[in-house]
Amino acid sequence: MQGASGYSIDVEAIPLVDVLATHSIDRVDFLKLDCEGSEYEILEGPPDSAWRLVRLLAIEYHAVGGLSIEQGRERLSDLLRRRGFRVSHGLAGGEPVLWGSHA
């Protein structure tokens, strides 16, 4: 994966659905993503069924792939809304963050 800083490193990634299944997890109270520009790729992977298990989500996001911060926020917000999340945004520690919640 290539991060917002422009360099990349190889890491072993375990899909969210595999983690949930392997550990018989049927509810995630809070999931935080801070993945340095890979948030778009990560969020587009798991099926809706996995995201329905997540109650609260916080995502630090970045301007990558030619997207401005605002365009990135809108892209991620749309993706989360399509998966049933209520979405808000703001800053945490000076970084742009999206919060998503399921009822």
C-alpha atoms as a PDB file:
ATOM      1  CA  MET A   1       0.000   0.000   0.000  1.00  0.00           C
ATOM      2  CA  GLN A   2       1.165   3.525  -0.722  1.00  0.00           C
ATOM      3  CA  GLY A   3       0.555   6.121   1.946  1.00  0.00           C
ATOM      4  CA  ALA A   4      -0.115   9.831   1.749  1.00  0.00           C
ATOM      5  CA  SER A   5       3.594  10.625   2.132  1.00  0.00           C
ATOM      6  CA  GLY A   6       4.323   8.997  -1.227  1.00  0.00           C
ATOM      7  CA  TYR A   7       6.437   6.081  -0.046  1.00  0.00           C
ATOM      8  CA  SER A   8       5.242   2.539   0.384  1.00  0.00           C
ATOM      9  CA  ILE A   9       6.068  -0.442   2.519  1.00  0.00           C
ATOM     10  CA  ASP A  10       4.836  -3.996   2.274  1.00  0.00           C
ATOM     11  CA  VAL A  11       2.719  -5.145   5.186  1.00  0.00           C
ATOM     12  CA  GLU A  12       0.679  -8.249   5.761  1.00  0.00           C
ATOM     13  CA  ALA A  13      -2.970  -7.308   5.683  1.00  0.00           C
ATOM     14  CA  ILE A  14      -5.754  -9.424   7.110  1.00  0.00           C
ATOM     15  CA  PRO A  15      -9.208  -8.639   5.694  1.00  0.00           C
ATOM     16  CA  LEU A  16     -11.759  -7.403   8.232  1.00  0.00           C
ATOM     17  CA  VAL A  17     -14.139 -10.253   7.381  1.00  0.00           C
ATOM     18  CA  ASP A  18     -11.385 -12.791   8.146  1.00  0.00           C
ATOM     19  CA  VAL A  19     -10.665 -11.230  11.544  1.00  0.00           C
ATOM     20  CA  LEU A  20     -14.376 -11.223  12.400  1.00  0.00           C
ATOM     21  CA  ALA A  21     -14.856 -14.844  11.316  1.00  0.00           C
ATOM     22  CA  THR A  22     -11.642 -16.216  12.858  1.00  0.00           C
ATOM     23  CA  HIS A  23     -12.483 -14.760  16.256  1.00  0.00           C
ATOM     24  CA  SER A  24     -16.279 -15.251  16.040  1.00  0.00           C
ATOM     25  CA  ILE A  25     -16.866 -11.524  16.472  1.00  0.00           C
ATOM     26  CA  ASP A  26     -20.487 -10.494  15.989  1.00  0.00           C
ATOM     27  CA  ARG A  27     -20.196  -6.863  17.127  1.00  0.00           C
ATOM     28  CA  VAL A  28     -17.501  -4.170  16.971  1.00  0.00           C
ATOM     29  CA  ASP A  29     -18.190  -1.305  19.369  1.00  0.00           C
ATOM     30  CA  PHE A  30     -15.438   0.973  18.029  1.00  0.00           C
ATOM     31  CA  LEU A  31     -13.128   0.742  15.011  1.00  0.00           C
ATOM     32  CA  LYS A  32     -10.439   3.369  14.364  1.00  0.00           C
ATOM     33  CA  LEU A  33      -8.582   3.587  11.061  1.00  0.00           C
ATOM     34  CA  ASP A  34      -5.401   5.618  10.688  1.00  0.00           C
ATOM     35  CA  CYS A  35      -3.790   4.109   7.614  1.00  0.00           C
ATOM     36  CA  GLU A  36      -1.953   7.023   5.998  1.00  0.00           C
ATOM     37  CA  GLY A  37      -3.816   7.288   2.712  1.00  0.00           C
ATOM     38  CA  SER A  38      -4.947   3.679   2.335  1.00  0.00           C
ATOM     39  CA  GLU A  39      -8.320   4.312   3.985  1.00  0.00           C
ATOM     40  CA  TYR A  40     -10.085   4.425   0.617  1.00  0.00           C
ATOM     41  CA  GLU A  41      -8.786   1.011  -0.419  1.00  0.00           C
ATOM     42  CA  ILE A  42      -9.503  -0.483   2.995  1.00  0.00           C
ATOM     43  CA  LEU A  43     -13.072   0.837   3.240  1.00  0.00           C
ATOM     44  CA  GLU A  44     -14.030  -0.341  -0.227  1.00  0.00           C
ATOM     45  CA  GLY A  45     -13.030  -3.954   0.489  1.00  0.00           C
ATOM     46  CA  PRO A  46     -15.309  -5.521   3.127  1.00  0.00           C
ATOM     47  CA  PRO A  47     -18.910  -6.370   2.245  1.00  0.00           C
ATOM     48  CA  ASP A  48     -21.827  -4.473   3.781  1.00  0.00           C
ATOM     49  CA  SER A  49     -22.467  -7.403   6.148  1.00  0.00           C
ATOM     50  CA  ALA A  50     -19.116  -6.777   7.876  1.00  0.00           C
ATOM     51  CA  TRP A  51     -19.738  -3.040   8.214  1.00  0.00           C
ATOM     52  CA  ARG A  52     -23.159  -3.646   9.802  1.00  0.00           C
ATOM     53  CA  LEU A  53     -21.313  -5.149  12.798  1.00  0.00           C
ATOM     54  CA  VAL A  54     -19.442  -1.883  13.443  1.00  0.00           C
ATOM     55  CA  ARG A  55     -21.291   0.470  15.794  1.00  0.00           C
ATOM     56  CA  LEU A  56     -18.867   3.417  15.789  1.00  0.00           C
ATOM     57  CA  LEU A  57     -16.082   4.195  13.338  1.00  0.00           C
ATOM     58  CA  ALA A  58     -13.397   6.916  13.330  1.00  0.00           C
ATOM     59  CA  ILE A  59     -11.298   7.419  10.205  1.00  0.00           C
ATOM     60  CA  GLU A  60      -8.381   9.791   9.804  1.00  0.00           C
ATOM     61  CA  TYR A  61      -8.257  10.624   6.094  1.00  0.00           C
ATOM     62  CA  HIS A  62      -5.858  12.259   3.671  1.00  0.00           C
ATOM     63  CA  ALA A  63      -5.665  13.935   0.275  1.00  0.00           C
ATOM     64  CA  VAL A  64      -4.396  11.164  -2.015  1.00  0.00           C
ATOM     65  CA  GLY A  65      -4.682  10.156  -5.640  1.00  0.00           C
ATOM     66  CA  GLY A  66      -5.365  13.676  -6.831  1.00  0.00           C
ATOM     67  CA  LEU A  67      -8.254  14.176  -4.389  1.00  0.00           C
ATOM     68  CA  SER A  68      -8.404  17.259  -2.195  1.00  0.00           C
ATOM     69  CA  ILE A  69      -9.217  16.842   1.494  1.00  0.00           C
ATOM     70  CA  GLU A  70     -12.796  17.937   0.754  1.00  0.00           C
ATOM     71  CA  GLN A  71     -13.152  15.473  -2.138  1.00  0.00           C
ATOM     72  CA  GLY A  72     -11.734  12.696   0.020  1.00  0.00           C
ATOM     73  CA  ARG A  73     -14.168  13.525   2.803  1.00  0.00           C
ATOM     74  CA  GLU A  74     -17.092  13.396   0.384  1.00  0.00           C
ATOM     75  CA  ARG A  75     -15.944  10.127  -1.193  1.00  0.00           C
ATOM     76  CA  LEU A  76     -15.566   8.440   2.197  1.00  0.00           C
ATOM     77  CA  SER A  77     -18.806   9.971   3.521  1.00  0.00           C
ATOM     78  CA  ASP A  78     -20.751   8.652   0.532  1.00  0.00           C
ATOM     79  CA  LEU A  79     -19.252   5.199   0.970  1.00  0.00           C
ATOM     80  CA  LEU A  80     -20.159   5.125   4.664  1.00  0.00           C
ATOM     81  CA  ARG A  81     -23.694   6.419   4.084  1.00  0.00           C
ATOM     82  CA  ARG A  82     -24.282   3.698   1.471  1.00  0.00           C
ATOM     83  CA  ARG A  83     -23.348   1.213   4.186  1.00  0.00           C
ATOM     84  CA  GLY A  84     -25.888   2.662   6.603  1.00  0.00           C
ATOM     85  CA  PHE A  85     -23.662   4.916   8.730  1.00  0.00           C
ATOM     86  CA  ARG A  86     -24.618   8.366   9.957  1.00  0.00           C
ATOM     87  CA  VAL A  87     -21.572  10.499   9.185  1.00  0.00           C
ATOM     88  CA  SER A  88     -20.008  13.596  10.713  1.00  0.00           C
ATOM     89  CA  HIS A  89     -16.570  15.137  10.366  1.00  0.00           C
ATOM     90  CA  GLY A  90     -14.166  17.365  12.217  1.00  0.00           C
ATOM     91  CA  LEU A  91     -10.624  17.480  13.525  1.00  0.00           C
ATOM     92  CA  ALA A  92      -8.891  15.284  16.088  1.00  0.00           C
ATOM     93  CA  GLY A  93      -5.365  16.224  17.057  1.00  0.00           C
ATOM     94  CA  GLY A  94      -5.310  18.632  14.115  1.00  0.00           C
ATOM     95  CA  GLU A  95      -6.065  15.849  11.595  1.00  0.00           C
ATOM     96  CA  PRO A  96      -9.278  15.538   9.558  1.00  0.00           C
ATOM     97  CA  VAL A  97     -11.482  12.739  10.879  1.00  0.00           C
ATOM     98  CA  LEU A  98     -14.790  11.192   9.835  1.00  0.00           C
ATOM     99  CA  TRP A  99     -17.033   9.554  12.402  1.00  0.00           C
ATOM    100  CA  GLY A 100     -19.599   7.002  11.378  1.00  0.00           C
ATOM    101  CA  SER A 101     -22.234   5.464  13.604  1.00  0.00           C
ATOM    102  CA  HIS A 102     -24.974   2.880  13.278  1.00  0.00           C
ATOM    103  CA  ALA A 103     -28.099   3.169  15.357  1.00  0.00           C
END
